[in-house]
Amino acid sequence: MRLSFTQITLPLVTLSCALSASAASSADGPSIDTMKEVVKEISSDAYEGRAPGTVGEEKTLSYLVRRFEALGLKPGNKGSWFQDVPLVEIDAKNVSPLRFSGGKTVVSADYGPEMVIATYRTGQSHIEIKDSPVVFVGYGINAPEKKWNDYAGVNVKGKTVVILVNDPDYQNPTLRGPFSGRAMTYYGRWTYKFEEAARQGATAAIIVHDTVPAAYGWNVVQSSWTGAQHVADSANGNADQSAAIGWMQKDKAAALMASAGLNLDTLMAAAKKRGFKAMPLKGVKASVSFDNAVRKHSSKNVVALLPGKTRPDEYVLYAAHWDHLGHCKAAPDGDDICNGAIDNATGTAALVALAEANMKAGPTDRSQVFLAVTAEESGLLGSAYYGNHPVFPLGQTVGGVNMDALSMAGVAKNVVVIGKGKSQLDAYLDKALAAQKRVASLEPTPEKGFYYRSDHFSFAKHGVPMLYFEGGQDLVKGGPAAGAKAAKDYEEHRYHGPKDEYDPKWDWSGVKADLKLYYDVGRALANTTDWPNWMPGDEFRAIRDKSRAGK
């Protein structure tokens, strides 16, 4: 349950003093000129979209190290700038149509425009699924604590499961309901659905794409799931995962259900109700095959350190992912490089600008860590690896901020806090916002599940409070309507596409204001003696309490 700011009991006198000290040390905040330099450089075509395991990675890492080294930061990982992250690149080749036979008609979906398919299994050069029985499993959720199990009473071992995206109550306009109503929980994310399908023994798991509950169009699915994919390496080659995972267009799912004598809309309505029973598609069998070009390699997180003056064994973390999609589906003009200027050259540039500003202001009492992580676009793999193999003890990590896709829409009267009310870090942000006469707002689209879609989640899972906010939509020029229009324009025309490129005409005024917030919050955390926690009742509170026990 998310609690309100009025329930925070953090000592604000200490907080106020820390923020005042940080404001005095850098009245203008981090340099926008530095940000422009970094964004323009690493989002250029020369970096080929910064995909892990490519020349683009090599160039990005080299550039970041040069910037950090020139600032006088220390290599953070036992004398190294890098933390190796073992990955496997898998590229599906020779993909057959996904074919459903045995119903009234044969339903076939072509790779790319109608379905996408991949595998987590790193030890198989060829995947072939032939005549696998098909089961519709609703939202594919098994949540004992919520008394909800879409797999109850059905055995899906060796079968293909068809799954709906998001949570059963996503259409609830409130934030109440078994799955938080309109706000997506982790059960609504595609990552969870594939994880649960594998635990249930499914041979293949196919999610039905629907733009509203997915929160993005098919173009995003297609660009993200075609071409080389990166997965975490494991000793068993991920043999415990489903052989095939993927998505299909909703109209194809409707045709599939009709071929089995069922109606997709009726099934979707039934799946929203507690007690839903999975529906085997009588006689229907799924078949698909594809080859895998497999390459094991080690990508890298970049770890830079500014040691603390008096408590160097306590750490404040700044995080941003440096990677993007590399080459992707070409735009009509033939441009096939997903440059990732907004997502996330801006966050990476913010990391450099914040490091520069903190070096100029001088060391804080606690150490500050500047972490540029890899493979966020592949499922938060770099930050997840750090969370499982921390360079600095997580119990000694005070908290931090995550920066992902800063807004070029201009100055807003607010910022949108992803996960507002979850931790005592909100108090730090509210104090910094007050100095700018701005406010923190709840997410306008909690149904999109942004809390589970960026790197802060990897640290939160291990109990570390992390602040993640986005540029607000209530713009000084144009208000909420202008902000919503700008956000929609970016999502529809640039997000995860070749046109997310550096634009010299961008309005950096909003970024400048938001960057100052990151700076003030970070220095406040690094100069206080407090240990912010998750709010009572939050899902990560017990993990944090355990990690801090006895300290």
Protein backbone atom coordinates (compact mmCIF):
# COMPACT_ATOMS: atom_id res chain seq x y z
CA MET A 1 0.00 0.00 0.00
CA ARG A 2 1.28 3.44 -0.88
CA LEU A 3 1.21 5.89 2.00
CA SER A 4 1.04 9.65 1.90
CA PHE A 5 3.78 12.20 2.49
CA THR A 6 2.07 13.28 5.73
CA GLN A 7 2.99 9.93 7.24
CA ILE A 8 6.74 10.45 6.78
CA THR A 9 8.59 10.95 10.05
CA LEU A 10 12.05 11.74 8.70
CA PRO A 11 13.77 14.49 10.71
CA LEU A 12 13.35 17.48 8.40
CA VAL A 13 15.78 19.71 10.28
CA THR A 14 18.69 17.55 9.19
CA LEU A 15 17.19 17.30 5.70
CA SER A 16 16.71 21.06 5.43
CA CYS A 17 20.30 21.77 6.45
CA ALA A 18 21.66 19.24 3.98
CA LEU A 19 19.62 20.67 1.12
CA SER A 20 20.62 24.22 2.00
CA ALA A 21 24.28 23.22 1.95
CA SER A 22 23.92 21.54 -1.44
CA ALA A 23 22.07 24.52 -2.92
CA ALA A 24 24.76 26.90 -1.73
CA SER A 25 27.49 24.77 -3.24
CA SER A 26 26.03 24.88 -6.74
CA ALA A 27 23.49 27.65 -7.23
CA ASP A 28 23.09 27.06 -10.96
CA GLY A 29 23.15 23.28 -10.81
CA PRO A 30 24.86 20.81 -13.13
CA SER A 31 25.91 21.99 -16.57
CA ILE A 32 23.44 21.72 -19.43
CA ASP A 33 26.30 22.35 -21.85
CA THR A 34 27.93 19.17 -20.56
CA MET A 35 24.68 17.30 -21.06
CA LYS A 36 24.35 18.55 -24.61
CA GLU A 37 27.90 17.42 -25.43
CA VAL A 38 27.32 13.92 -24.08
CA VAL A 39 23.89 13.40 -25.64
CA LYS A 40 25.01 14.66 -29.04
CA GLU A 41 28.07 12.40 -28.95
CA ILE A 42 26.71 9.06 -27.79
CA SER A 43 23.45 9.31 -29.76
CA SER A 44 25.24 9.96 -33.02
CA ASP A 45 25.17 7.37 -35.80
CA ALA A 46 28.83 6.60 -35.06
CA TYR A 47 27.68 4.77 -31.91
CA GLU A 48 25.20 2.64 -33.91
CA GLY A 49 22.48 2.76 -31.27
CA ARG A 50 24.69 1.58 -28.35
CA ALA A 51 23.59 -2.07 -28.38
CA PRO A 52 25.45 -4.28 -25.88
CA GLY A 53 28.17 -6.42 -27.39
CA THR A 54 28.75 -4.16 -30.39
CA VAL A 55 31.23 -1.53 -31.49
CA GLY A 56 28.69 0.92 -30.13
CA GLU A 57 29.24 -0.45 -26.64
CA GLU A 58 33.01 -0.18 -26.96
CA LYS A 59 32.76 3.44 -28.03
CA THR A 60 30.27 4.30 -25.30
CA LEU A 61 32.33 2.74 -22.51
CA SER A 62 35.51 4.38 -23.73
CA TYR A 63 33.83 7.77 -23.91
CA LEU A 64 32.31 7.53 -20.43
CA VAL A 65 35.57 6.45 -18.84
CA ARG A 66 37.38 9.37 -20.50
CA ARG A 67 34.79 11.78 -19.11
CA PHE A 68 34.88 10.33 -15.59
CA GLU A 69 38.65 10.09 -15.57
CA ALA A 70 39.02 13.70 -16.70
CA LEU A 71 36.80 14.77 -13.80
CA GLY A 72 39.07 13.05 -11.30
CA LEU A 73 36.65 10.32 -10.23
CA LYS A 74 38.02 6.97 -9.09
CA PRO A 75 37.41 3.63 -10.82
CA GLY A 76 34.84 2.08 -8.51
CA ASN A 77 35.24 -1.68 -8.86
CA LYS A 78 38.45 -2.60 -7.06
CA GLY A 79 40.54 -0.37 -9.32
CA SER A 80 38.50 -1.04 -12.46
CA TRP A 81 35.98 1.22 -14.16
CA PHE A 82 33.94 -1.81 -15.17
CA GLN A 83 31.78 -4.60 -13.81
CA ASP A 84 31.49 -7.49 -16.25
CA VAL A 85 27.91 -8.58 -16.95
CA PRO A 86 27.76 -12.02 -18.64
CA LEU A 87 25.18 -11.99 -21.42
CA VAL A 88 24.10 -14.15 -24.31
CA GLU A 89 23.05 -12.59 -27.60
CA ILE A 90 20.39 -14.61 -29.39
CA ASP A 91 19.21 -13.70 -32.87
CA ALA A 92 16.23 -15.61 -34.28
CA LYS A 93 16.71 -16.64 -37.91
CA ASN A 94 14.58 -18.50 -40.42
CA VAL A 95 11.44 -17.96 -38.37
CA SER A 96 8.41 -19.88 -39.60
CA PRO A 97 4.90 -18.49 -39.23
CA LEU A 98 3.22 -19.27 -35.91
CA ARG A 99 0.58 -21.75 -37.06
CA PHE A 100 -2.52 -22.88 -35.19
CA SER A 101 -4.20 -25.95 -36.68
CA GLY A 102 -6.99 -28.30 -35.62
CA GLY A 103 -9.72 -25.68 -35.30
CA LYS A 104 -12.42 -24.66 -37.74
CA THR A 105 -9.75 -22.91 -39.81
CA VAL A 106 -5.98 -22.72 -39.80
CA VAL A 107 -4.73 -19.46 -38.28
CA SER A 108 -1.25 -18.33 -39.29
CA ALA A 109 0.71 -15.31 -38.02
CA ASP A 110 3.80 -14.02 -39.83
CA TYR A 111 6.97 -13.01 -37.96
CA GLY A 112 7.26 -9.25 -37.60
CA PRO A 113 3.96 -7.67 -38.62
CA GLU A 114 1.72 -10.21 -36.85
CA MET A 115 3.83 -11.96 -34.21
CA VAL A 116 7.29 -11.97 -32.67
CA ILE A 117 9.03 -14.98 -31.18
CA ALA A 118 12.23 -15.61 -29.24
CA THR A 119 13.74 -17.85 -26.56
CA TYR A 120 15.63 -17.50 -23.30
CA ARG A 121 17.29 -20.89 -23.88
CA THR A 122 20.92 -20.13 -24.65
CA GLY A 123 21.97 -23.72 -25.32
CA GLN A 124 19.69 -24.42 -28.29
CA SER A 125 20.59 -23.43 -31.84
CA HIS A 126 17.20 -24.57 -33.11
CA ILE A 127 13.73 -24.37 -31.59
CA GLU A 128 10.90 -26.44 -33.03
CA ILE A 129 7.47 -26.67 -31.49
CA LYS A 130 5.14 -29.01 -33.31
CA ASP A 131 1.47 -29.62 -32.58
CA SER A 132 1.59 -28.25 -29.04
CA PRO A 133 -1.88 -28.15 -27.40
CA VAL A 134 -3.07 -24.58 -26.79
CA VAL A 135 -4.54 -23.24 -23.54
CA PHE A 136 -5.93 -19.75 -22.89
CA VAL A 137 -4.81 -18.88 -19.34
CA GLY A 138 -6.32 -15.41 -18.95
CA TYR A 139 -3.80 -13.06 -17.38
CA GLY A 140 -1.42 -15.92 -16.54
CA ILE A 141 -1.19 -14.95 -12.86
CA ASN A 142 -0.52 -17.19 -9.87
CA ALA A 143 -0.72 -14.99 -6.76
CA PRO A 144 -1.50 -17.04 -3.63
CA GLU A 145 -1.50 -13.94 -1.40
CA LYS A 146 -4.31 -12.54 -3.54
CA LYS A 147 -6.12 -15.90 -3.80
CA TRP A 148 -5.77 -15.75 -7.56
CA ASN A 149 -4.50 -18.56 -9.76
CA ASP A 150 -5.17 -18.59 -13.49
CA TYR A 151 -3.41 -21.96 -13.73
CA ALA A 152 -5.59 -23.70 -11.14
CA GLY A 153 -6.92 -27.04 -12.31
CA VAL A 154 -5.01 -27.13 -15.59
CA ASN A 155 -1.75 -28.82 -16.55
CA VAL A 156 0.14 -26.82 -19.17
CA LYS A 157 3.34 -28.86 -19.25
CA GLY A 158 4.42 -29.23 -22.86
CA LYS A 159 1.64 -26.91 -24.01
CA THR A 160 1.37 -23.42 -25.50
CA VAL A 161 -0.28 -20.82 -23.29
CA VAL A 162 -1.96 -17.69 -24.63
CA ILE A 163 -1.88 -14.82 -22.12
CA LEU A 164 -3.46 -11.38 -21.76
CA VAL A 165 -1.24 -8.39 -20.98
CA ASN A 166 -1.58 -6.26 -17.79
CA ASP A 167 -3.68 -7.10 -14.70
CA PRO A 168 -7.32 -8.25 -14.45
CA ASP A 169 -8.48 -4.94 -12.95
CA TYR A 170 -6.54 -2.52 -15.17
CA GLN A 171 -9.80 -0.91 -16.34
CA ASN A 172 -10.74 0.06 -12.79
CA PRO A 173 -10.43 3.88 -12.80
CA THR A 174 -9.36 3.90 -9.13
CA LEU A 175 -6.16 2.58 -7.55
CA ARG A 176 -8.15 -0.04 -5.63
CA GLY A 177 -8.73 -3.67 -6.46
CA PRO A 178 -7.00 -7.03 -6.09
CA PHE A 179 -4.19 -5.82 -8.36
CA SER A 180 -4.21 -2.12 -7.41
CA GLY A 181 -6.86 -1.26 -9.98
CA ARG A 182 -5.60 1.06 -12.68
CA ALA A 183 -2.02 0.87 -11.39
CA MET A 184 -0.14 -2.06 -12.91
CA THR A 185 1.54 -4.49 -10.53
CA TYR A 186 4.44 -6.74 -11.41
CA TYR A 187 1.90 -9.45 -12.23
CA GLY A 188 0.88 -7.33 -15.21
CA ARG A 189 4.35 -7.10 -16.74
CA TRP A 190 5.32 -9.35 -19.63
CA THR A 191 8.46 -10.42 -17.78
CA TYR A 192 6.38 -11.92 -14.98
CA LYS A 193 4.04 -13.69 -17.39
CA PHE A 194 6.90 -15.50 -19.10
CA GLU A 195 8.47 -16.35 -15.73
CA GLU A 196 5.23 -17.90 -14.46
CA ALA A 197 4.57 -19.78 -17.70
CA ALA A 198 8.02 -21.36 -17.35
CA ARG A 199 7.34 -22.30 -13.72
CA GLN A 200 4.15 -23.99 -14.90
CA GLY A 201 6.10 -25.97 -17.50
CA ALA A 202 4.67 -24.37 -20.65
CA THR A 203 6.58 -25.12 -23.85
CA ALA A 204 5.58 -21.80 -25.39
CA ALA A 205 4.06 -18.60 -24.00
CA ILE A 206 2.40 -16.05 -26.27
CA ILE A 207 1.08 -12.70 -25.00
CA VAL A 208 -1.83 -11.06 -26.80
CA HIS A 209 -0.89 -7.50 -27.69
CA ASP A 210 -3.49 -4.86 -26.95
CA THR A 211 -2.31 -1.25 -27.16
CA VAL A 212 -4.14 0.22 -24.16
CA PRO A 213 -3.25 -2.37 -21.49
CA ALA A 214 0.22 -2.88 -22.97
CA ALA A 215 0.78 0.91 -22.91
CA TYR A 216 2.52 0.90 -26.29
CA GLY A 217 1.73 0.04 -29.88
CA TRP A 218 2.77 -2.95 -31.94
CA ASN A 219 5.59 -0.87 -33.43
CA VAL A 220 7.33 -0.93 -30.04
CA VAL A 221 6.89 -4.69 -29.70
CA GLN A 222 8.19 -5.28 -33.20
CA SER A 223 11.25 -3.04 -32.88
CA SER A 224 12.11 -4.40 -29.42
CA TRP A 225 11.65 -8.11 -30.17
CA THR A 226 13.11 -8.49 -33.66
CA GLY A 227 16.83 -8.68 -34.24
CA ALA A 228 19.40 -9.67 -31.65
CA GLN A 229 18.08 -10.12 -28.11
CA HIS A 230 20.18 -10.23 -24.95
CA VAL A 231 19.50 -12.53 -22.01
CA ALA A 232 21.35 -13.25 -18.80
CA ASP A 233 23.67 -16.23 -18.95
CA SER A 234 23.21 -19.18 -16.60
CA ALA A 235 24.90 -22.48 -15.84
CA ASN A 236 22.03 -24.54 -17.32
CA GLY A 237 21.58 -22.37 -20.40
CA ASN A 238 18.14 -21.34 -19.12
CA ALA A 239 16.86 -24.83 -19.89
CA ASP A 240 14.14 -24.32 -17.27
CA GLN A 241 12.55 -21.57 -19.37
CA SER A 242 9.86 -22.03 -22.01
CA ALA A 243 11.26 -23.01 -25.39
CA ALA A 244 9.52 -20.08 -27.09
CA ILE A 245 8.18 -16.77 -25.83
CA GLY A 246 6.56 -14.03 -27.85
CA TRP A 247 3.63 -11.78 -28.71
CA MET A 248 0.83 -11.88 -31.25
CA GLN A 249 -1.48 -9.19 -32.60
CA LYS A 250 -4.91 -9.06 -31.00
CA ASP A 251 -6.77 -9.66 -34.26
CA LYS A 252 -4.83 -12.90 -34.72
CA ALA A 253 -5.75 -13.95 -31.19
CA ALA A 254 -9.39 -13.22 -31.99
CA ALA A 255 -9.17 -15.37 -35.11
CA LEU A 256 -7.51 -18.13 -33.07
CA MET A 257 -10.32 -18.16 -30.52
CA ALA A 258 -12.96 -18.09 -33.26
CA SER A 259 -11.33 -21.13 -34.87
CA ALA A 260 -11.83 -22.94 -31.55
CA GLY A 261 -15.47 -21.86 -31.38
CA LEU A 262 -14.80 -19.20 -28.75
CA ASN A 263 -15.01 -15.43 -28.56
CA LEU A 264 -11.97 -13.42 -27.45
CA ASP A 265 -13.99 -10.56 -25.95
CA THR A 266 -16.03 -13.02 -23.89
CA LEU A 267 -12.89 -14.75 -22.67
CA MET A 268 -11.25 -11.43 -21.78
CA ALA A 269 -14.28 -10.44 -19.69
CA ALA A 270 -14.28 -13.80 -17.90
CA ALA A 271 -10.54 -13.55 -17.17
CA LYS A 272 -11.09 -10.37 -15.15
CA LYS A 273 -13.12 -12.24 -12.50
CA ARG A 274 -11.76 -14.17 -9.54
CA GLY A 275 -12.19 -17.90 -10.07
CA PHE A 276 -11.55 -17.77 -13.82
CA LYS A 277 -10.75 -21.22 -15.20
CA ALA A 278 -8.14 -21.65 -17.91
CA MET A 279 -9.67 -22.69 -21.22
CA PRO A 280 -8.00 -25.40 -23.34
CA LEU A 281 -8.69 -24.76 -27.03
CA LYS A 282 -10.13 -28.12 -27.93
CA GLY A 283 -8.21 -29.76 -30.75
CA VAL A 284 -6.10 -26.68 -31.51
CA LYS A 285 -2.34 -27.21 -31.82
CA ALA A 286 0.48 -24.65 -32.18
CA SER A 287 3.57 -25.02 -34.33
CA VAL A 288 6.55 -22.73 -34.90
CA SER A 289 10.24 -23.12 -35.58
CA PHE A 290 13.31 -20.89 -35.76
CA ASP A 291 17.08 -21.05 -35.66
CA ASN A 292 19.17 -19.20 -33.09
CA ALA A 293 22.45 -17.46 -33.78
CA VAL A 294 23.96 -17.59 -30.28
CA ARG A 295 26.92 -15.55 -29.07
CA LYS A 296 28.10 -15.41 -25.48
CA HIS A 297 29.80 -12.23 -24.43
CA SER A 298 30.37 -9.98 -21.47
CA SER A 299 28.86 -6.53 -21.48
CA LYS A 300 29.83 -3.98 -18.85
CA ASN A 301 28.46 -1.66 -16.22
CA VAL A 302 30.57 1.47 -15.66
CA VAL A 303 31.29 2.22 -11.99
CA ALA A 304 32.76 5.61 -10.99
CA LEU A 305 33.36 6.68 -7.40
CA LEU A 306 33.67 9.97 -5.54
CA PRO A 307 34.91 8.85 -2.09
CA GLY A 308 33.25 10.38 0.95
CA LYS A 309 35.11 12.57 3.46
CA THR A 310 33.98 11.15 6.79
CA ARG A 311 31.89 8.03 6.05
CA PRO A 312 33.35 6.59 2.85
CA ASP A 313 31.83 3.16 3.55
CA GLU A 314 28.30 4.55 3.12
CA TYR A 315 27.15 5.03 -0.47
CA VAL A 316 24.70 7.17 -2.41
CA LEU A 317 23.90 5.84 -5.88
CA TYR A 318 23.19 7.63 -9.16
CA ALA A 319 22.09 5.24 -11.92
CA ALA A 320 21.29 5.46 -15.63
CA HIS A 321 21.42 2.92 -18.44
CA TRP A 322 23.80 3.65 -21.30
CA ASP A 323 22.45 1.06 -23.78
CA HIS A 324 19.83 1.23 -26.50
CA LEU A 325 18.58 -0.99 -29.34
CA GLY A 326 21.33 -0.67 -31.94
CA HIS A 327 20.10 -1.32 -35.48
CA CYS A 328 16.33 -1.75 -35.67
CA LYS A 329 13.39 -1.71 -38.07
CA ALA A 330 14.11 1.02 -40.61
CA ALA A 331 12.08 4.19 -40.90
CA PRO A 332 10.53 5.04 -44.28
CA ASP A 333 13.66 7.04 -45.16
CA GLY A 334 15.85 3.95 -44.66
CA ASP A 335 17.32 5.01 -41.30
CA ASP A 336 17.75 1.80 -39.28
CA ILE A 337 19.73 3.09 -36.27
CA CYS A 338 17.78 3.45 -33.04
CA ASN A 339 19.96 6.22 -31.64
CA GLY A 340 18.27 6.46 -28.24
CA ALA A 341 18.91 10.17 -27.75
CA ILE A 342 16.16 10.69 -25.20
CA ASP A 343 16.16 7.04 -24.11
CA ASN A 344 18.68 7.08 -22.57
CA ALA A 345 21.52 9.28 -23.75
CA THR A 346 19.86 11.99 -21.66
CA GLY A 347 20.05 9.95 -18.46
CA THR A 348 23.64 8.95 -19.18
CA ALA A 349 24.54 12.57 -19.85
CA ALA A 350 22.87 13.55 -16.57
CA LEU A 351 25.16 11.06 -14.83
CA VAL A 352 28.23 12.82 -16.28
CA ALA A 353 26.88 16.30 -15.51
CA LEU A 354 26.05 15.32 -11.92
CA ALA A 355 29.51 13.84 -11.44
CA GLU A 356 31.05 17.04 -12.76
CA ALA A 357 28.95 19.24 -10.47
CA ASN A 358 29.73 17.14 -7.42
CA MET A 359 33.44 17.20 -8.15
CA LYS A 360 33.33 21.00 -8.39
CA ALA A 361 31.37 21.28 -5.13
CA GLY A 362 33.75 18.89 -3.36
CA PRO A 363 33.30 15.51 -1.68
CA THR A 364 30.33 14.87 0.59
CA ASP A 365 30.46 12.97 3.90
CA ARG A 366 29.28 9.77 2.22
CA SER A 367 30.69 8.30 -0.97
CA GLN A 368 28.84 8.92 -4.22
CA VAL A 369 28.65 6.23 -6.89
CA PHE A 370 27.92 7.00 -10.55
CA LEU A 371 26.70 3.80 -12.18
CA ALA A 372 26.03 3.49 -15.92
CA VAL A 373 24.39 0.11 -16.44
CA THR A 374 24.02 -2.06 -19.51
CA ALA A 375 21.18 -4.03 -21.09
CA GLU A 376 18.24 -2.15 -19.57
CA GLU A 377 16.43 -2.49 -22.88
CA SER A 378 16.84 -6.27 -22.67
CA GLY A 379 15.06 -6.49 -19.31
CA LEU A 380 17.12 -4.49 -16.77
CA LEU A 381 19.92 -7.05 -17.05
CA GLY A 382 22.83 -4.80 -16.06
CA SER A 383 21.19 -3.35 -12.97
CA ALA A 384 19.83 -6.79 -12.03
CA TYR A 385 23.36 -8.18 -12.20
CA TYR A 386 24.62 -5.37 -9.97
CA GLY A 387 21.80 -6.08 -7.53
CA ASN A 388 22.79 -9.74 -7.37
CA HIS A 389 26.54 -8.98 -7.35
CA PRO A 390 26.87 -5.54 -5.72
CA VAL A 391 30.20 -3.75 -5.97
CA PHE A 392 29.30 -1.87 -2.78
CA PRO A 393 27.28 -3.60 -0.02
CA LEU A 394 23.58 -2.94 -0.49
CA GLY A 395 23.09 -2.74 3.27
CA GLN A 396 25.56 0.17 3.22
CA THR A 397 23.92 1.84 0.21
CA VAL A 398 21.84 4.69 1.60
CA GLY A 399 19.64 5.10 -1.47
CA GLY A 400 19.81 6.96 -4.72
CA VAL A 401 18.24 8.19 -7.91
CA ASN A 402 17.61 6.64 -11.30
CA MET A 403 17.52 8.74 -14.47
CA ASP A 404 15.80 7.49 -17.60
CA ALA A 405 14.57 9.48 -20.61
CA LEU A 406 14.56 13.12 -19.49
CA SER A 407 11.86 15.32 -20.98
CA MET A 408 12.52 18.03 -23.57
CA ALA A 409 9.00 19.44 -23.30
CA GLY A 410 10.09 22.48 -21.28
CA VAL A 411 9.75 23.57 -17.66
CA ALA A 412 6.83 21.99 -15.81
CA LYS A 413 5.17 23.08 -12.60
CA ASN A 414 5.49 19.52 -11.35
CA VAL A 415 7.45 16.31 -11.63
CA VAL A 416 5.82 12.89 -11.87
CA VAL A 417 7.12 10.53 -9.20
CA ILE A 418 7.03 6.88 -10.19
CA GLY A 419 6.09 5.04 -7.02
CA LYS A 420 5.21 8.17 -5.06
CA GLY A 421 4.53 7.37 -1.41
CA LYS A 422 6.62 4.21 -1.32
CA SER A 423 9.70 5.52 0.50
CA GLN A 424 10.99 8.31 2.71
CA LEU A 425 13.00 9.63 -0.24
CA ASP A 426 9.86 11.54 -1.17
CA ALA A 427 10.68 13.97 1.67
CA TYR A 428 14.02 14.83 0.08
CA LEU A 429 12.43 15.46 -3.29
CA ASP A 430 9.60 17.54 -1.83
CA LYS A 431 12.11 19.79 -0.06
CA ALA A 432 14.11 20.27 -3.24
CA LEU A 433 10.93 20.94 -5.22
CA ALA A 434 9.81 23.57 -2.71
CA ALA A 435 12.98 25.54 -3.44
CA GLN A 436 11.87 25.65 -7.09
CA LYS A 437 8.22 26.31 -6.17
CA ARG A 438 7.20 23.08 -7.86
CA VAL A 439 5.30 20.00 -6.68
CA ALA A 440 5.42 16.22 -6.93
CA SER A 441 2.53 14.48 -8.68
CA LEU A 442 1.27 10.92 -8.85
CA GLU A 443 1.71 9.04 -12.11
CA PRO A 444 -0.98 10.03 -14.62
CA THR A 445 -0.71 6.57 -16.21
CA PRO A 446 -0.04 4.06 -13.40
CA GLU A 447 -1.50 1.37 -15.67
CA LYS A 448 1.70 1.47 -17.74
CA GLY A 449 3.71 -0.12 -14.94
CA PHE A 450 6.69 2.23 -15.19
CA TYR A 451 7.80 1.25 -11.69
CA TYR A 452 8.85 -2.13 -13.10
CA ARG A 453 10.32 -0.83 -16.34
CA SER A 454 13.52 0.93 -15.33
CA ASP A 455 16.64 0.18 -13.35
CA HIS A 456 15.50 1.51 -9.97
CA PHE A 457 13.40 -1.67 -9.68
CA SER A 458 16.54 -3.84 -9.63
CA PHE A 459 17.80 -2.03 -6.53
CA ALA A 460 14.38 -1.77 -4.87
CA LYS A 461 14.04 -5.56 -5.05
CA HIS A 462 17.10 -5.72 -2.80
CA GLY A 463 15.73 -3.16 -0.37
CA VAL A 464 17.63 -0.05 -1.50
CA PRO A 465 15.32 3.01 -1.62
CA MET A 466 15.58 4.56 -5.07
CA LEU A 467 13.93 7.73 -6.32
CA TYR A 468 12.69 7.80 -9.90
CA PHE A 469 10.78 10.72 -11.31
CA GLU A 470 9.98 12.08 -14.76
CA GLY A 471 9.50 15.56 -16.12
CA GLY A 472 5.98 16.75 -15.31
CA GLN A 473 3.23 17.31 -17.86
CA ASP A 474 1.80 20.49 -16.32
CA LEU A 475 3.98 22.76 -18.43
CA VAL A 476 4.56 26.41 -17.63
CA LYS A 477 3.87 27.07 -21.30
CA GLY A 478 0.68 25.30 -22.31
CA GLY A 479 -0.29 23.45 -19.14
CA PRO A 480 -1.31 19.75 -18.96
CA ALA A 481 -2.66 19.68 -22.52
CA ALA A 482 0.70 20.70 -23.97
CA GLY A 483 2.53 18.23 -21.73
CA ALA A 484 0.26 15.35 -22.71
CA LYS A 485 0.63 16.25 -26.39
CA ALA A 486 4.44 16.25 -26.15
CA ALA A 487 4.48 12.90 -24.34
CA LYS A 488 2.14 11.32 -26.90
CA ASP A 489 4.18 12.67 -29.79
CA TYR A 490 7.38 11.17 -28.40
CA GLU A 491 5.79 7.78 -27.68
CA GLU A 492 4.18 7.52 -31.11
CA HIS A 493 6.96 8.90 -33.31
CA ARG A 494 10.30 8.45 -31.56
CA TYR A 495 10.20 6.02 -28.62
CA HIS A 496 12.22 2.89 -29.51
CA GLY A 497 12.46 4.02 -33.10
CA PRO A 498 15.08 5.50 -35.45
CA LYS A 499 13.84 9.07 -34.95
CA ASP A 500 14.84 9.29 -31.29
CA GLU A 501 17.75 11.49 -32.37
CA TYR A 502 19.55 14.54 -31.01
CA ASP A 503 17.80 17.76 -31.99
CA PRO A 504 19.66 21.09 -31.65
CA LYS A 505 16.25 22.78 -31.28
CA TRP A 506 15.37 20.98 -28.05
CA ASP A 507 14.15 23.02 -25.09
CA TRP A 508 16.54 22.14 -22.25
CA SER A 509 14.91 24.37 -19.63
CA GLY A 510 12.92 21.55 -18.06
CA VAL A 511 15.93 19.25 -17.97
CA LYS A 512 17.96 21.95 -16.24
CA ALA A 513 15.35 22.28 -13.49
CA ASP A 514 15.00 18.51 -13.05
CA LEU A 515 18.75 17.98 -13.05
CA LYS A 516 19.07 20.41 -10.15
CA LEU A 517 16.59 18.26 -8.24
CA TYR A 518 18.73 15.15 -8.73
CA TYR A 519 21.75 17.12 -7.61
CA ASP A 520 20.12 18.54 -4.47
CA VAL A 521 18.55 15.24 -3.43
CA GLY A 522 21.80 13.34 -4.02
CA ARG A 523 23.95 15.74 -2.01
CA ALA A 524 21.39 15.85 0.79
CA LEU A 525 21.50 12.06 1.04
CA ALA A 526 25.28 12.12 0.91
CA ASN A 527 25.62 14.68 3.73
CA THR A 528 22.97 13.48 6.18
CA THR A 529 23.38 10.77 8.81
CA ASP A 530 19.86 9.45 8.20
CA TRP A 531 19.00 6.12 6.60
CA PRO A 532 15.73 6.59 4.64
CA ASN A 533 13.53 3.52 4.52
CA TRP A 534 10.50 2.27 2.68
CA MET A 535 7.18 3.26 4.20
CA PRO A 536 5.56 0.81 6.67
CA GLY A 537 3.71 -1.88 4.76
CA ASP A 538 5.65 -1.40 1.54
CA GLU A 539 6.69 -4.57 -0.29
CA PHE A 540 10.41 -3.74 0.05
CA ARG A 541 10.43 -2.66 3.73
CA ALA A 542 11.19 -6.10 5.20
CA ILE A 543 14.10 -6.62 2.80
CA ARG A 544 15.61 -3.28 3.80
CA ASP A 545 15.13 -3.91 7.49
CA LYS A 546 16.90 -7.26 7.17
CA SER A 547 19.83 -5.79 5.25
CA ARG A 548 20.24 -3.01 7.84
CA ALA A 549 19.80 -5.25 10.90
CA GLY A 550 22.61 -4.81 13.40
CA LYS A 551 24.21 -1.86 11.60
